[in-house]
């Protein structure tokens, strides 16, 4: 369990008493979390979360691979982008694989080896 000192001490203690490994960190920003995981030998991390978490990882330049599913469904609404954060430079990705099943596309993109930034569009 990765948490901060702001987490209730009784909850942290209960997790530890139940055999959980509780690490109290200074904050829960992506660089801090990944540094703690790396310290524990966990260098490959699969992250599944919403647009805010993905946006924080993109803004911190911590995304090396993106798996994206496109489904054949039209829907309207006020949903934002796939990743939400303060503006960050666009980063080049390359298509690494495509699978199709019942009209859905499962796309796998990886970071370009040269980790280039994309020039923002003009205008």
PDB file of N, CA and C in Angstrom:
ATOM      1  N   UNK A   1       0.850  -1.164   0.000  1.00  0.00           N
ATOM      2  CA  UNK A   1       0.000   0.000   0.000  1.00  0.00           C
ATOM      3  C   UNK A   1       0.894   1.224   0.000  1.00  0.00           C
ATOM      4  N   UNK A   2       0.713   2.083  -0.971  1.00  0.00           N
ATOM      5  CA  UNK A   2       1.448   3.340  -1.020  1.00  0.00           C
ATOM      6  C   UNK A   2       0.494   4.441  -0.588  1.00  0.00           C
ATOM      7  N   UNK A   3       0.881   5.202   0.410  1.00  0.00           N
ATOM      8  CA  UNK A   3       0.015   6.230   0.965  1.00  0.00           C
ATOM      9  C   UNK A   3       0.857   7.372   1.500  1.00  0.00           C
ATOM     10  N   UNK A   4       0.221   8.320   2.143  1.00  0.00           N
ATOM     11  CA  UNK A   4       0.919   9.442   2.765  1.00  0.00           C
ATOM     12  C   UNK A   4       0.599   9.481   4.249  1.00  0.00           C
ATOM     13  N   UNK A   5       1.291  10.343   4.966  1.00  0.00           N
ATOM     14  CA  UNK A   5       1.050  10.490   6.403  1.00  0.00           C
ATOM     15  C   UNK A   5      -0.350  11.027   6.671  1.00  0.00           C
ATOM     16  N   UNK A   6      -1.010  11.593   5.669  1.00  0.00           N
ATOM     17  CA  UNK A   6      -2.371  12.098   5.836  1.00  0.00           C
ATOM     18  C   UNK A   6      -3.397  10.970   5.958  1.00  0.00           C
ATOM     19  N   UNK A   7      -3.034   9.758   5.557  1.00  0.00           N
ATOM     20  CA  UNK A   7      -3.954   8.623   5.693  1.00  0.00           C
ATOM     21  C   UNK A   7      -4.150   8.324   7.177  1.00  0.00           C
ATOM     22  N   UNK A   8      -5.365   7.962   7.580  1.00  0.00           N
ATOM     23  CA  UNK A   8      -5.620   7.693   8.997  1.00  0.00           C
ATOM     24  C   UNK A   8      -4.662   6.631   9.548  1.00  0.00           C
ATOM     25  N   UNK A   9      -3.977   6.959  10.656  1.00  0.00           N
ATOM     26  CA  UNK A   9      -3.006   6.014  11.234  1.00  0.00           C
ATOM     27  C   UNK A   9      -3.617   4.657  11.577  1.00  0.00           C
ATOM     28  N   UNK A  10      -4.876   4.638  12.032  1.00  0.00           N
ATOM     29  CA  UNK A  10      -5.497   3.361  12.385  1.00  0.00           C
ATOM     30  C   UNK A  10      -5.686   2.473  11.153  1.00  0.00           C
ATOM     31  N   UNK A  11      -5.992   3.070  10.019  1.00  0.00           N
ATOM     32  CA  UNK A  11      -6.130   2.285   8.784  1.00  0.00           C
ATOM     33  C   UNK A  11      -4.786   1.740   8.337  1.00  0.00           C
ATOM     34  N   UNK A  12      -3.743   2.588   8.401  1.00  0.00           N
ATOM     35  CA  UNK A  12      -2.415   2.123   8.032  1.00  0.00           C
ATOM     36  C   UNK A  12      -1.984   0.984   8.939  1.00  0.00           C
ATOM     37  N   UNK A  13      -2.251   1.126  10.239  1.00  0.00           N
ATOM     38  CA  UNK A  13      -1.874   0.085  11.205  1.00  0.00           C
ATOM     39  C   UNK A  13      -2.650  -1.203  10.942  1.00  0.00           C
ATOM     40  N   UNK A  14      -3.931  -1.097  10.623  1.00  0.00           N
ATOM     41  CA  UNK A  14      -4.745  -2.280  10.353  1.00  0.00           C
ATOM     42  C   UNK A  14      -4.218  -3.036   9.136  1.00  0.00           C
ATOM     43  N   UNK A  15      -3.818  -2.304   8.116  1.00  0.00           N
ATOM     44  CA  UNK A  15      -3.251  -2.955   6.927  1.00  0.00           C
ATOM     45  C   UNK A  15      -1.944  -3.656   7.268  1.00  0.00           C
ATOM     46  N   UNK A  16      -1.106  -2.987   8.026  1.00  0.00           N
ATOM     47  CA  UNK A  16       0.174  -3.584   8.419  1.00  0.00           C
ATOM     48  C   UNK A  16      -0.058  -4.805   9.296  1.00  0.00           C
ATOM     49  N   UNK A  17      -1.005  -4.722  10.224  1.00  0.00           N
ATOM     50  CA  UNK A  17      -1.308  -5.850  11.114  1.00  0.00           C
ATOM     51  C   UNK A  17      -1.851  -7.051  10.348  1.00  0.00           C
ATOM     52  N   UNK A  18      -2.520  -6.780   9.212  1.00  0.00           N
ATOM     53  CA  UNK A  18      -3.073  -7.858   8.389  1.00  0.00           C
ATOM     54  C   UNK A  18      -2.028  -8.431   7.439  1.00  0.00           C
ATOM     55  N   UNK A  19      -0.791  -7.952   7.544  1.00  0.00           N
ATOM     56  CA  UNK A  19       0.282  -8.485   6.709  1.00  0.00           C
ATOM     57  C   UNK A  19       0.596  -7.635   5.499  1.00  0.00           C
ATOM     58  N   UNK A  20      -0.053  -6.484   5.398  1.00  0.00           N
ATOM     59  CA  UNK A  20       0.196  -5.605   4.262  1.00  0.00           C
ATOM     60  C   UNK A  20       1.509  -4.856   4.412  1.00  0.00           C
ATOM     61  N   UNK A  21       2.101  -4.542   3.292  1.00  0.00           N
ATOM     62  CA  UNK A  21       3.322  -3.742   3.255  1.00  0.00           C
ATOM     63  C   UNK A  21       2.888  -2.302   3.005  1.00  0.00           C
ATOM     64  N   UNK A  22       2.998  -1.447   4.006  1.00  0.00           N
ATOM     65  CA  UNK A  22       2.539  -0.070   3.923  1.00  0.00           C
ATOM     66  C   UNK A  22       3.748   0.854   3.821  1.00  0.00           C
ATOM     67  N   UNK A  23       3.812   1.624   2.756  1.00  0.00           N
ATOM     68  CA  UNK A  23       4.886   2.603   2.569  1.00  0.00           C
ATOM     69  C   UNK A  23       4.269   3.993   2.657  1.00  0.00           C
ATOM     70  N   UNK A  24       4.764   4.796   3.570  1.00  0.00           N
ATOM     71  CA  UNK A  24       4.288   6.160   3.738  1.00  0.00           C
ATOM     72  C   UNK A  24       5.228   7.077   2.948  1.00  0.00           C
ATOM     73  N   UNK A  25       4.676   7.728   1.937  1.00  0.00           N
ATOM     74  CA  UNK A  25       5.456   8.566   1.034  1.00  0.00           C
ATOM     75  C   UNK A  25       5.162  10.047   1.280  1.00  0.00           C
ATOM     76  N   UNK A  26       6.040  10.895   0.775  1.00  0.00           N
ATOM     77  CA  UNK A  26       5.856  12.339   0.928  1.00  0.00           C
ATOM     78  C   UNK A  26       4.626  12.825   0.168  1.00  0.00           C
ATOM     79  N   UNK A  27       4.350  12.232  -0.995  1.00  0.00           N
ATOM     80  CA  UNK A  27       3.195  12.608  -1.811  1.00  0.00           C
ATOM     81  C   UNK A  27       2.871  11.436  -2.728  1.00  0.00           C
ATOM     82  N   UNK A  28       1.799  11.568  -3.459  1.00  0.00           N
ATOM     83  CA  UNK A  28       1.373  10.497  -4.362  1.00  0.00           C
ATOM     84  C   UNK A  28       1.461  10.930  -5.830  1.00  0.00           C
ATOM     85  N   UNK A  29       2.399  11.809  -6.136  1.00  0.00           N
ATOM     86  CA  UNK A  29       2.620  12.194  -7.524  1.00  0.00           C
ATOM     87  C   UNK A  29       3.282  11.034  -8.266  1.00  0.00           C
ATOM     88  N   UNK A  30       3.024  10.911  -9.565  1.00  0.00           N
ATOM     89  CA  UNK A  30       3.580   9.785 -10.321  1.00  0.00           C
ATOM     90  C   UNK A  30       5.084   9.575 -10.157  1.00  0.00           C
ATOM     91  N   UNK A  31       5.944  10.612 -10.210  1.00  0.00           N
ATOM     92  CA  UNK A  31       7.375  10.347 -10.042  1.00  0.00           C
ATOM     93  C   UNK A  31       7.701   9.721  -8.675  1.00  0.00           C
ATOM     94  N   UNK A  32       7.011  10.156  -7.632  1.00  0.00           N
ATOM     95  CA  UNK A  32       7.240   9.601  -6.296  1.00  0.00           C
ATOM     96  C   UNK A  32       6.803   8.145  -6.236  1.00  0.00           C
ATOM     97  N   UNK A  33       5.624   7.859  -6.789  1.00  0.00           N
ATOM     98  CA  UNK A  33       5.108   6.484  -6.779  1.00  0.00           C
ATOM     99  C   UNK A  33       6.033   5.547  -7.555  1.00  0.00           C
ATOM    100  N   UNK A  34       6.434   5.968  -8.762  1.00  0.00           N
ATOM    101  CA  UNK A  34       7.279   5.095  -9.576  1.00  0.00           C
ATOM    102  C   UNK A  34       8.663   4.925  -8.970  1.00  0.00           C
ATOM    103  N   UNK A  35       9.173   5.959  -8.314  1.00  0.00           N
ATOM    104  CA  UNK A  35      10.473   5.824  -7.641  1.00  0.00           C
ATOM    105  C   UNK A  35      10.388   4.789  -6.526  1.00  0.00           C
ATOM    106  N   UNK A  36       9.306   4.791  -5.770  1.00  0.00           N
ATOM    107  CA  UNK A  36       9.147   3.811  -4.697  1.00  0.00           C
ATOM    108  C   UNK A  36       9.006   2.402  -5.271  1.00  0.00           C
ATOM    109  N   UNK A  37       8.238   2.252  -6.337  1.00  0.00           N
ATOM    110  CA  UNK A  37       8.101   0.933  -6.956  1.00  0.00           C
ATOM    111  C   UNK A  37       9.445   0.450  -7.503  1.00  0.00           C
ATOM    112  N   UNK A  38      10.207   1.345  -8.132  1.00  0.00           N
ATOM    113  CA  UNK A  38      11.525   0.979  -8.658  1.00  0.00           C
ATOM    114  C   UNK A  38      12.457   0.572  -7.521  1.00  0.00           C
ATOM    115  N   UNK A  39      12.371   1.276  -6.396  1.00  0.00           N
ATOM    116  CA  UNK A  39      13.196   0.924  -5.237  1.00  0.00           C
ATOM    117  C   UNK A  39      12.914  -0.509  -4.782  1.00  0.00           C
ATOM    118  N   UNK A  40      11.703  -0.966  -5.020  1.00  0.00           N
ATOM    119  CA  UNK A  40      11.291  -2.319  -4.654  1.00  0.00           C
ATOM    120  C   UNK A  40      11.512  -3.309  -5.794  1.00  0.00           C
ATOM    121  N   UNK A  41      12.178  -2.863  -6.865  1.00  0.00           N
ATOM    122  CA  UNK A  41      12.484  -3.749  -7.986  1.00  0.00           C
ATOM    123  C   UNK A  41      11.374  -3.869  -9.009  1.00  0.00           C
ATOM    124  N   UNK A  42      10.346  -3.057  -8.886  1.00  0.00           N
ATOM    125  CA  UNK A  42       9.206  -3.101  -9.801  1.00  0.00           C
ATOM    126  C   UNK A  42       9.368  -1.996 -10.842  1.00  0.00           C
ATOM    127  N   UNK A  43       9.974  -2.355 -11.967  1.00  0.00           N
ATOM    128  CA  UNK A  43      10.291  -1.347 -12.976  1.00  0.00           C
ATOM    129  C   UNK A  43       9.336  -1.369 -14.164  1.00  0.00           C
ATOM    130  N   UNK A  44       8.495  -2.378 -14.258  1.00  0.00           N
ATOM    131  CA  UNK A  44       7.479  -2.446 -15.311  1.00  0.00           C
ATOM    132  C   UNK A  44       6.130  -2.288 -14.634  1.00  0.00           C
ATOM    133  N   UNK A  45       5.454  -1.223 -14.944  1.00  0.00           N
ATOM    134  CA  UNK A  45       4.200  -0.894 -14.263  1.00  0.00           C
ATOM    135  C   UNK A  45       3.084  -0.773 -15.288  1.00  0.00           C
ATOM    136  N   UNK A  46       2.016  -1.505 -15.090  1.00  0.00           N
ATOM    137  CA  UNK A  46       0.809  -1.372 -15.901  1.00  0.00           C
ATOM    138  C   UNK A  46      -0.145  -0.493 -15.107  1.00  0.00           C
ATOM    139  N   UNK A  47      -0.564   0.585 -15.694  1.00  0.00           N
ATOM    140  CA  UNK A  47      -1.418   1.538 -15.004  1.00  0.00           C
ATOM    141  C   UNK A  47      -2.757   1.604 -15.705  1.00  0.00           C
ATOM    142  N   UNK A  48      -3.816   1.338 -14.990  1.00  0.00           N
ATOM    143  CA  UNK A  48      -5.159   1.484 -15.522  1.00  0.00           C
ATOM    144  C   UNK A  48      -5.883   2.487 -14.640  1.00  0.00           C
ATOM    145  N   UNK A  49      -6.264   3.589 -15.221  1.00  0.00           N
ATOM    146  CA  UNK A  49      -6.935   4.629 -14.464  1.00  0.00           C
ATOM    147  C   UNK A  49      -7.696   5.530 -15.403  1.00  0.00           C
ATOM    148  N   UNK A  50      -8.158   6.620 -14.877  1.00  0.00           N
ATOM    149  CA  UNK A  50      -8.935   7.556 -15.665  1.00  0.00           C
ATOM    150  C   UNK A  50      -8.077   8.629 -16.311  1.00  0.00           C
ATOM    151  N   UNK A  51      -8.736   9.610 -16.927  1.00  0.00           N
ATOM    152  CA  UNK A  51      -8.040  10.665 -17.654  1.00  0.00           C
ATOM    153  C   UNK A  51      -7.102  11.503 -16.788  1.00  0.00           C
ATOM    154  N   UNK A  52      -7.421  11.700 -15.525  1.00  0.00           N
ATOM    155  CA  UNK A  52      -6.558  12.510 -14.664  1.00  0.00           C
ATOM    156  C   UNK A  52      -5.263  11.782 -14.355  1.00  0.00           C
ATOM    157  N   UNK A  53      -5.345  10.499 -14.047  1.00  0.00           N
ATOM    158  CA  UNK A  53      -4.133   9.724 -13.784  1.00  0.00           C
ATOM    159  C   UNK A  53      -3.265   9.635 -15.043  1.00  0.00           C
ATOM    160  N   UNK A  54      -3.873   9.324 -16.180  1.00  0.00           N
ATOM    161  CA  UNK A  54      -3.104   9.252 -17.418  1.00  0.00           C
ATOM    162  C   UNK A  54      -2.492  10.608 -17.742  1.00  0.00           C
ATOM    163  N   UNK A  55      -3.245  11.678 -17.546  1.00  0.00           N
ATOM    164  CA  UNK A  55      -2.721  13.010 -17.795  1.00  0.00           C
ATOM    165  C   UNK A  55      -1.517  13.326 -16.924  1.00  0.00           C
ATOM    166  N   UNK A  56      -1.567  12.938 -15.651  1.00  0.00           N
ATOM    167  CA  UNK A  56      -0.433  13.174 -14.749  1.00  0.00           C
ATOM    168  C   UNK A  56       0.794  12.398 -15.203  1.00  0.00           C
ATOM    169  N   UNK A  57       0.602  11.177 -15.668  1.00  0.00           N
ATOM    170  CA  UNK A  57       1.722  10.374 -16.154  1.00  0.00           C
ATOM    171  C   UNK A  57       2.306  10.955 -17.441  1.00  0.00           C
ATOM    172  N   UNK A  58       1.435  11.422 -18.339  1.00  0.00           N
ATOM    173  CA  UNK A  58       1.908  12.039 -19.589  1.00  0.00           C
ATOM    174  C   UNK A  58       2.665  13.323 -19.267  1.00  0.00           C
ATOM    175  N   UNK A  59       2.105  14.158 -18.405  1.00  0.00           N
ATOM    176  CA  UNK A  59       2.748  15.426 -18.053  1.00  0.00           C
ATOM    177  C   UNK A  59       4.119  15.204 -17.417  1.00  0.00           C
ATOM    178  N   UNK A  60       4.259  14.099 -16.668  1.00  0.00           N
ATOM    179  CA  UNK A  60       5.537  13.776 -16.028  1.00  0.00           C
ATOM    180  C   UNK A  60       6.475  13.009 -16.967  1.00  0.00           C
ATOM    181  N   UNK A  61       6.050  12.813 -18.213  1.00  0.00           N
ATOM    182  CA  UNK A  61       6.843  12.098 -19.229  1.00  0.00           C
ATOM    183  C   UNK A  61       7.165  10.670 -18.784  1.00  0.00           C
ATOM    184  N   UNK A  62       6.158   9.981 -18.253  1.00  0.00           N
ATOM    185  CA  UNK A  62       6.361   8.637 -17.716  1.00  0.00           C
ATOM    186  C   UNK A  62       5.617   7.548 -18.490  1.00  0.00           C
ATOM    187  N   UNK A  63       5.064   7.869 -19.654  1.00  0.00           N
ATOM    188  CA  UNK A  63       4.325   6.874 -20.433  1.00  0.00           C
ATOM    189  C   UNK A  63       5.209   6.376 -21.575  1.00  0.00           C
ATOM    190  N   UNK A  64       5.492   5.085 -21.577  1.00  0.00           N
ATOM    191  CA  UNK A  64       6.300   4.462 -22.627  1.00  0.00           C
ATOM    192  C   UNK A  64       5.460   3.639 -23.594  1.00  0.00           C
ATOM    193  N   UNK A  65       4.241   3.299 -23.180  1.00  0.00           N
ATOM    194  CA  UNK A  65       3.379   2.450 -24.004  1.00  0.00           C
ATOM    195  C   UNK A  65       1.932   2.821 -23.720  1.00  0.00           C
ATOM    196  N   UNK A  66       1.099   2.773 -24.762  1.00  0.00           N
ATOM    197  CA  UNK A  66      -0.317   3.073 -24.615  1.00  0.00           C
ATOM    198  C   UNK A  66      -1.108   1.993 -25.335  1.00  0.00           C
ATOM    199  N   UNK A  67      -2.026   1.379 -24.628  1.00  0.00           N
ATOM    200  CA  UNK A  67      -2.966   0.435 -25.235  1.00  0.00           C
ATOM    201  C   UNK A  67      -4.313   1.143 -25.322  1.00  0.00           C
ATOM    202  N   UNK A  68      -4.861   1.222 -26.512  1.00  0.00           N
ATOM    203  CA  UNK A  68      -6.071   1.985 -26.770  1.00  0.00           C
ATOM    204  C   UNK A  68      -7.058   1.102 -27.516  1.00  0.00           C
ATOM    205  N   UNK A  69      -8.300   1.075 -27.052  1.00  0.00           N
ATOM    206  CA  UNK A  69      -9.336   0.288 -27.703  1.00  0.00           C
ATOM    207  C   UNK A  69     -10.346   1.230 -28.341  1.00  0.00           C
ATOM    208  N   UNK A  70     -10.626   1.012 -29.610  1.00  0.00           N
ATOM    209  CA  UNK A  70     -11.654   1.766 -30.323  1.00  0.00           C
ATOM    210  C   UNK A  70     -12.815   0.826 -30.592  1.00  0.00           C
ATOM    211  N   UNK A  71     -13.992   1.208 -30.115  1.00  0.00           N
ATOM    212  CA  UNK A  71     -15.182   0.378 -30.283  1.00  0.00           C
ATOM    213  C   UNK A  71     -16.122   1.027 -31.286  1.00  0.00           C
ATOM    214  N   UNK A  72     -16.834   0.212 -32.067  1.00  0.00           N
ATOM    215  CA  UNK A  72     -17.746   0.752 -33.075  1.00  0.00           C
ATOM    216  C   UNK A  72     -19.057   1.214 -32.438  1.00  0.00           C
ATOM    217  N   UNK A  73     -18.983   2.313 -31.712  1.00  0.00           N
ATOM    218  CA  UNK A  73     -20.140   2.838 -30.995  1.00  0.00           C
ATOM    219  C   UNK A  73     -20.070   4.353 -31.039  1.00  0.00           C
ATOM    220  N   UNK A  74     -21.155   4.987 -31.471  1.00  0.00           N
ATOM    221  CA  UNK A  74     -21.223   6.443 -31.446  1.00  0.00           C
ATOM    222  C   UNK A  74     -21.943   6.861 -30.172  1.00  0.00           C
ATOM    223  N   UNK A  75     -21.330   7.775 -29.436  1.00  0.00           N
ATOM    224  CA  UNK A  75     -21.940   8.278 -28.209  1.00  0.00           C
ATOM    225  C   UNK A  75     -21.602   9.754 -28.085  1.00  0.00           C
ATOM    226  N   UNK A  76     -22.509  10.522 -27.573  1.00  0.00           N
ATOM    227  CA  UNK A  76     -22.280  11.950 -27.365  1.00  0.00           C
ATOM    228  C   UNK A  76     -22.248  12.227 -25.867  1.00  0.00           C
ATOM    229  N   UNK A  77     -21.692  13.350 -25.520  1.00  0.00           N
ATOM    230  CA  UNK A  77     -21.631  13.737 -24.113  1.00  0.00           C
ATOM    231  C   UNK A  77     -20.575  14.795 -23.909  1.00  0.00           C
ATOM    232  N   UNK A  78     -20.275  15.068 -22.676  1.00  0.00           N
ATOM    233  CA  UNK A  78     -19.339  16.128 -22.339  1.00  0.00           C
ATOM    234  C   UNK A  78     -17.985  15.603 -21.873  1.00  0.00           C
ATOM    235  N   UNK A  79     -17.705  14.355 -22.138  1.00  0.00           N
ATOM    236  CA  UNK A  79     -16.434  13.765 -21.715  1.00  0.00           C
ATOM    237  C   UNK A  79     -15.272  14.499 -22.375  1.00  0.00           C
ATOM    238  N   UNK A  80     -14.181  14.613 -21.623  1.00  0.00           N
ATOM    239  CA  UNK A  80     -12.998  15.292 -22.133  1.00  0.00           C
ATOM    240  C   UNK A  80     -12.092  14.346 -22.879  1.00  0.00           C
ATOM    241  N   UNK A  81     -10.855  14.676 -22.891  1.00  0.00           N
ATOM    242  CA  UNK A  81      -9.852  13.876 -23.579  1.00  0.00           C
ATOM    243  C   UNK A  81      -9.544  12.598 -22.812  1.00  0.00           C
ATOM    244  N   UNK A  82      -8.774  11.753 -23.467  1.00  0.00           N
ATOM    245  CA  UNK A  82      -8.325  10.515 -22.840  1.00  0.00           C
ATOM    246  C   UNK A  82      -7.398  10.811 -21.671  1.00  0.00           C
ATOM    247  N   UNK A  83      -6.595  11.892 -21.808  1.00  0.00           N
ATOM    248  CA  UNK A  83      -5.668  12.304 -20.752  1.00  0.00           C
ATOM    249  C   UNK A  83      -5.939  13.776 -20.426  1.00  0.00           C
ATOM    250  N   UNK A  84      -6.078  14.082 -19.130  1.00  0.00           N
ATOM    251  CA  UNK A  84      -6.374  15.442 -18.687  1.00  0.00           C
ATOM    252  C   UNK A  84      -5.284  15.894 -17.732  1.00  0.00           C
ATOM    253  N   UNK A  85      -4.638  17.020 -18.065  1.00  0.00           N
ATOM    254  CA  UNK A  85      -3.624  17.605 -17.185  1.00  0.00           C
ATOM    255  C   UNK A  85      -3.364  19.032 -17.645  1.00  0.00           C
ATOM    256  N   UNK A  86      -2.482  19.707 -16.950  1.00  0.00           N
ATOM    257  CA  UNK A  86      -1.988  20.973 -17.468  1.00  0.00           C
ATOM    258  C   UNK A  86      -1.293  20.671 -18.788  1.00  0.00           C
ATOM    259  N   UNK A  87      -1.192  21.661 -19.672  1.00  0.00           N
ATOM    260  CA  UNK A  87      -0.557  21.406 -20.967  1.00  0.00           C
ATOM    261  C   UNK A  87       0.847  20.803 -20.819  1.00  0.00           C
ATOM    262  N   UNK A  88       1.134  19.834 -21.661  1.00  0.00           N
ATOM    263  CA  UNK A  88       2.442  19.177 -21.704  1.00  0.00           C
ATOM    264  C   UNK A  88       2.819  19.017 -23.171  1.00  0.00           C
ATOM    265  N   UNK A  89       4.103  18.986 -23.475  1.00  0.00           N
ATOM    266  CA  UNK A  89       4.504  18.829 -24.881  1.00  0.00           C
ATOM    267  C   UNK A  89       4.020  17.489 -25.442  1.00  0.00           C
ATOM    268  N   UNK A  90       3.512  17.482 -26.668  1.00  0.00           N
ATOM    269  CA  UNK A  90       3.133  16.210 -27.302  1.00  0.00           C
ATOM    270  C   UNK A  90       4.373  15.343 -27.512  1.00  0.00           C
ATOM    271  N   UNK A  91       4.199  14.046 -27.405  1.00  0.00           N
ATOM    272  CA  UNK A  91       5.310  13.112 -27.556  1.00  0.00           C
ATOM    273  C   UNK A  91       4.977  12.098 -28.647  1.00  0.00           C
ATOM    274  N   UNK A  92       5.962  11.785 -29.463  1.00  0.00           N
ATOM    275  CA  UNK A  92       5.751  10.866 -30.573  1.00  0.00           C
ATOM    276  C   UNK A  92       5.617   9.424 -30.083  1.00  0.00           C
ATOM    277  N   UNK A  93       4.632   8.747 -30.646  1.00  0.00           N
ATOM    278  CA  UNK A  93       4.423   7.324 -30.382  1.00  0.00           C
ATOM    279  C   UNK A  93       4.427   6.633 -31.742  1.00  0.00           C
ATOM    280  N   UNK A  94       4.680   5.322 -31.719  1.00  0.00           N
ATOM    281  CA  UNK A  94       4.621   4.562 -32.964  1.00  0.00           C
ATOM    282  C   UNK A  94       3.729   3.350 -32.753  1.00  0.00           C
ATOM    283  N   UNK A  95       3.001   3.006 -33.794  1.00  0.00           N
ATOM    284  CA  UNK A  95       2.094   1.866 -33.730  1.00  0.00           C
ATOM    285  C   UNK A  95       2.912   0.587 -33.622  1.00  0.00           C
ATOM    286  N   UNK A  96       2.632  -0.215 -32.594  1.00  0.00           N
ATOM    287  CA  UNK A  96       3.389  -1.447 -32.372  1.00  0.00           C
ATOM    288  C   UNK A  96       2.537  -2.688 -32.615  1.00  0.00           C
ATOM    289  N   UNK A  97       1.225  -2.530 -32.668  1.00  0.00           N
ATOM    290  CA  UNK A  97       0.384  -3.697 -32.906  1.00  0.00           C
ATOM    291  C   UNK A  97      -1.077  -3.318 -33.033  1.00  0.00           C
ATOM    292  N   UNK A  98      -1.811  -4.132 -33.815  1.00  0.00           N
ATOM    293  CA  UNK A  98      -3.241  -3.925 -34.024  1.00  0.00           C
ATOM    294  C   UNK A  98      -3.919  -5.285 -33.981  1.00  0.00           C
ATOM    295  N   UNK A  99      -4.986  -5.368 -33.230  1.00  0.00           N
ATOM    296  CA  UNK A  99      -5.851  -6.543 -33.235  1.00  0.00           C
ATOM    297  C   UNK A  99      -7.270  -6.066 -33.511  1.00  0.00           C
ATOM    298  N   UNK A 100      -8.040  -6.877 -34.218  1.00  0.00           N
ATOM    299  CA  UNK A 100      -9.435  -6.549 -34.491  1.00  0.00           C
ATOM    300  C   UNK A 100     -10.302  -7.704 -34.015  1.00  0.00           C
ATOM    301  N   UNK A 101     -11.377  -7.380 -33.340  1.00  0.00           N
ATOM    302  CA  UNK A 101     -12.319  -8.406 -32.870  1.00  0.00           C
ATOM    303  C   UNK A 101     -13.715  -7.801 -32.897  1.00  0.00           C
ATOM    304  N   UNK A 102     -14.589  -8.384 -33.692  1.00  0.00           N
ATOM    305  CA  UNK A 102     -15.976  -7.915 -33.798  1.00  0.00           C
ATOM    306  C   UNK A 102     -16.080  -6.417 -34.061  1.00  0.00           C
ATOM    307  N   UNK A 103     -15.197  -5.888 -34.895  1.00  0.00           N
ATOM    308  CA  UNK A 103     -15.244  -4.479 -35.249  1.00  0.00           C
ATOM    309  C   UNK A 103     -14.500  -3.562 -34.305  1.00  0.00           C
ATOM    310  N   UNK A 104     -14.080  -4.060 -33.158  1.00  0.00           N
ATOM    311  CA  UNK A 104     -13.289  -3.250 -32.229  1.00  0.00           C
ATOM    312  C   UNK A 104     -11.821  -3.356 -32.603  1.00  0.00           C
ATOM    313  N   UNK A 105     -11.110  -2.252 -32.457  1.00  0.00           N
ATOM    314  CA  UNK A 105      -9.672  -2.238 -32.695  1.00  0.00           C
ATOM    315  C   UNK A 105      -8.950  -2.112 -31.371  1.00  0.00           C
ATOM    316  N   UNK A 106      -7.991  -2.996 -31.149  1.00  0.00           N
ATOM    317  CA  UNK A 106      -7.126  -2.918 -29.989  1.00  0.00           C
ATOM    318  C   UNK A 106      -5.763  -2.473 -30.498  1.00  0.00           C
ATOM    319  N   UNK A 107      -5.371  -1.263 -30.139  1.00  0.00           N
ATOM    320  CA  UNK A 107      -4.161  -0.643 -30.661  1.00  0.00           C
ATOM    321  C   UNK A 107      -3.110  -0.564 -29.562  1.00  0.00           C
ATOM    322  N   UNK A 108      -1.882  -0.862 -29.928  1.00  0.00           N
ATOM    323  CA  UNK A 108      -0.763  -0.757 -28.983  1.00  0.00           C
ATOM    324  C   UNK A 108       0.271   0.174 -29.583  1.00  0.00           C
ATOM    325  N   UNK A 109       0.554   1.252 -28.858  1.00  0.00           N
ATOM    326  CA  UNK A 109       1.549   2.235 -29.273  1.00  0.00           C
ATOM    327  C   UNK A 109       2.703   2.225 -28.281  1.00  0.00           C
ATOM    328  N   UNK A 110       3.905   2.440 -28.792  1.00  0.00           N
ATOM    329  CA  UNK A 110       5.084   2.555 -27.934  1.00  0.00           C
ATOM    330  C   UNK A 110       5.762   3.885 -28.204  1.00  0.00           C
ATOM    331  N   UNK A 111       6.517   4.341 -27.206  1.00  0.00           N
ATOM    332  CA  UNK A 111       7.281   5.578 -27.355  1.00  0.00           C
ATOM    333  C   UNK A 111       8.343   5.378 -28.399  1.00  0.00           C
ATOM    334  N   UNK A 112       8.570   6.366 -29.228  1.00  0.00           N
ATOM    335  CA  UNK A 112       9.644   6.294 -30.218  1.00  0.00           C
ATOM    336  C   UNK A 112      10.968   6.151 -29.492  1.00  0.00           C
ATOM    337  N   UNK A 113      11.870   5.384 -30.074  1.00  0.00           N
ATOM    338  CA  UNK A 113      13.177   5.136 -29.455  1.00  0.00           C
ATOM    339  C   UNK A 113      13.927   6.438 -29.185  1.00  0.00           C
ATOM    340  N   UNK A 114      13.759   7.441 -30.071  1.00  0.00           N
ATOM    341  CA  UNK A 114      14.477   8.698 -29.871  1.00  0.00           C
ATOM    342  C   UNK A 114      13.730   9.645 -28.929  1.00  0.00           C
ATOM    343  N   UNK A 115      12.550   9.224 -28.463  1.00  0.00           N
ATOM    344  CA  UNK A 115      11.736   9.984 -27.498  1.00  0.00           C
ATOM    345  C   UNK A 115      11.504  11.425 -27.950  1.00  0.00           C
ATOM    346  N   UNK A 116      11.284  11.599 -29.250  1.00  0.00           N
ATOM    347  CA  UNK A 116      11.102  12.937 -29.783  1.00  0.00           C
ATOM    348  C   UNK A 116       9.786  13.547 -29.344  1.00  0.00           C
ATOM    349  N   UNK A 117       9.817  14.859 -29.305  1.00  0.00           N
ATOM    350  CA  UNK A 117       8.604  15.623 -29.068  1.00  0.00           C
ATOM    351  C   UNK A 117       7.986  15.927 -30.431  1.00  0.00           C
ATOM    352  N   UNK A 118       6.699  16.112 -30.448  1.00  0.00           N
ATOM    353  CA  UNK A 118       5.996  16.463 -31.683  1.00  0.00           C
ATOM    354  C   UNK A 118       5.907  17.977 -31.721  1.00  0.00           C
ATOM    355  N   UNK A 119       6.190  18.556 -32.894  1.00  0.00           N
ATOM    356  CA  UNK A 119       6.005  20.001 -33.033  1.00  0.00           C
ATOM    357  C   UNK A 119       4.529  20.315 -32.943  1.00  0.00           C
ATOM    358  N   UNK A 120       4.151  21.273 -32.079  1.00  0.00           N
ATOM    359  CA  UNK A 120       2.727  21.601 -31.987  1.00  0.00           C
ATOM    360  C   UNK A 120       2.228  22.212 -33.292  1.00  0.00           C
ATOM    361  N   UNK A 121       0.947  21.971 -33.613  1.00  0.00           N
ATOM    362  CA  UNK A 121       0.403  22.530 -34.855  1.00  0.00           C
ATOM    363  C   UNK A 121       0.378  24.054 -34.790  1.00  0.00           C
ATOM    364  N   UNK A 122       0.519  24.686 -35.934  1.00  0.00           N
ATOM    365  CA  UNK A 122       0.454  26.154 -36.001  1.00  0.00           C
ATOM    366  C   UNK A 122      -0.990  26.595 -36.070  1.00  0.00           C
ATOM    367  N   UNK A 123      -1.245  27.767 -35.471  1.00  0.00           N
ATOM    368  CA  UNK A 123      -2.544  28.402 -35.601  1.00  0.00           C
ATOM    369  C   UNK A 123      -3.518  27.876 -34.675  1.00  0.00           C
TER     370      UNK A 123
END
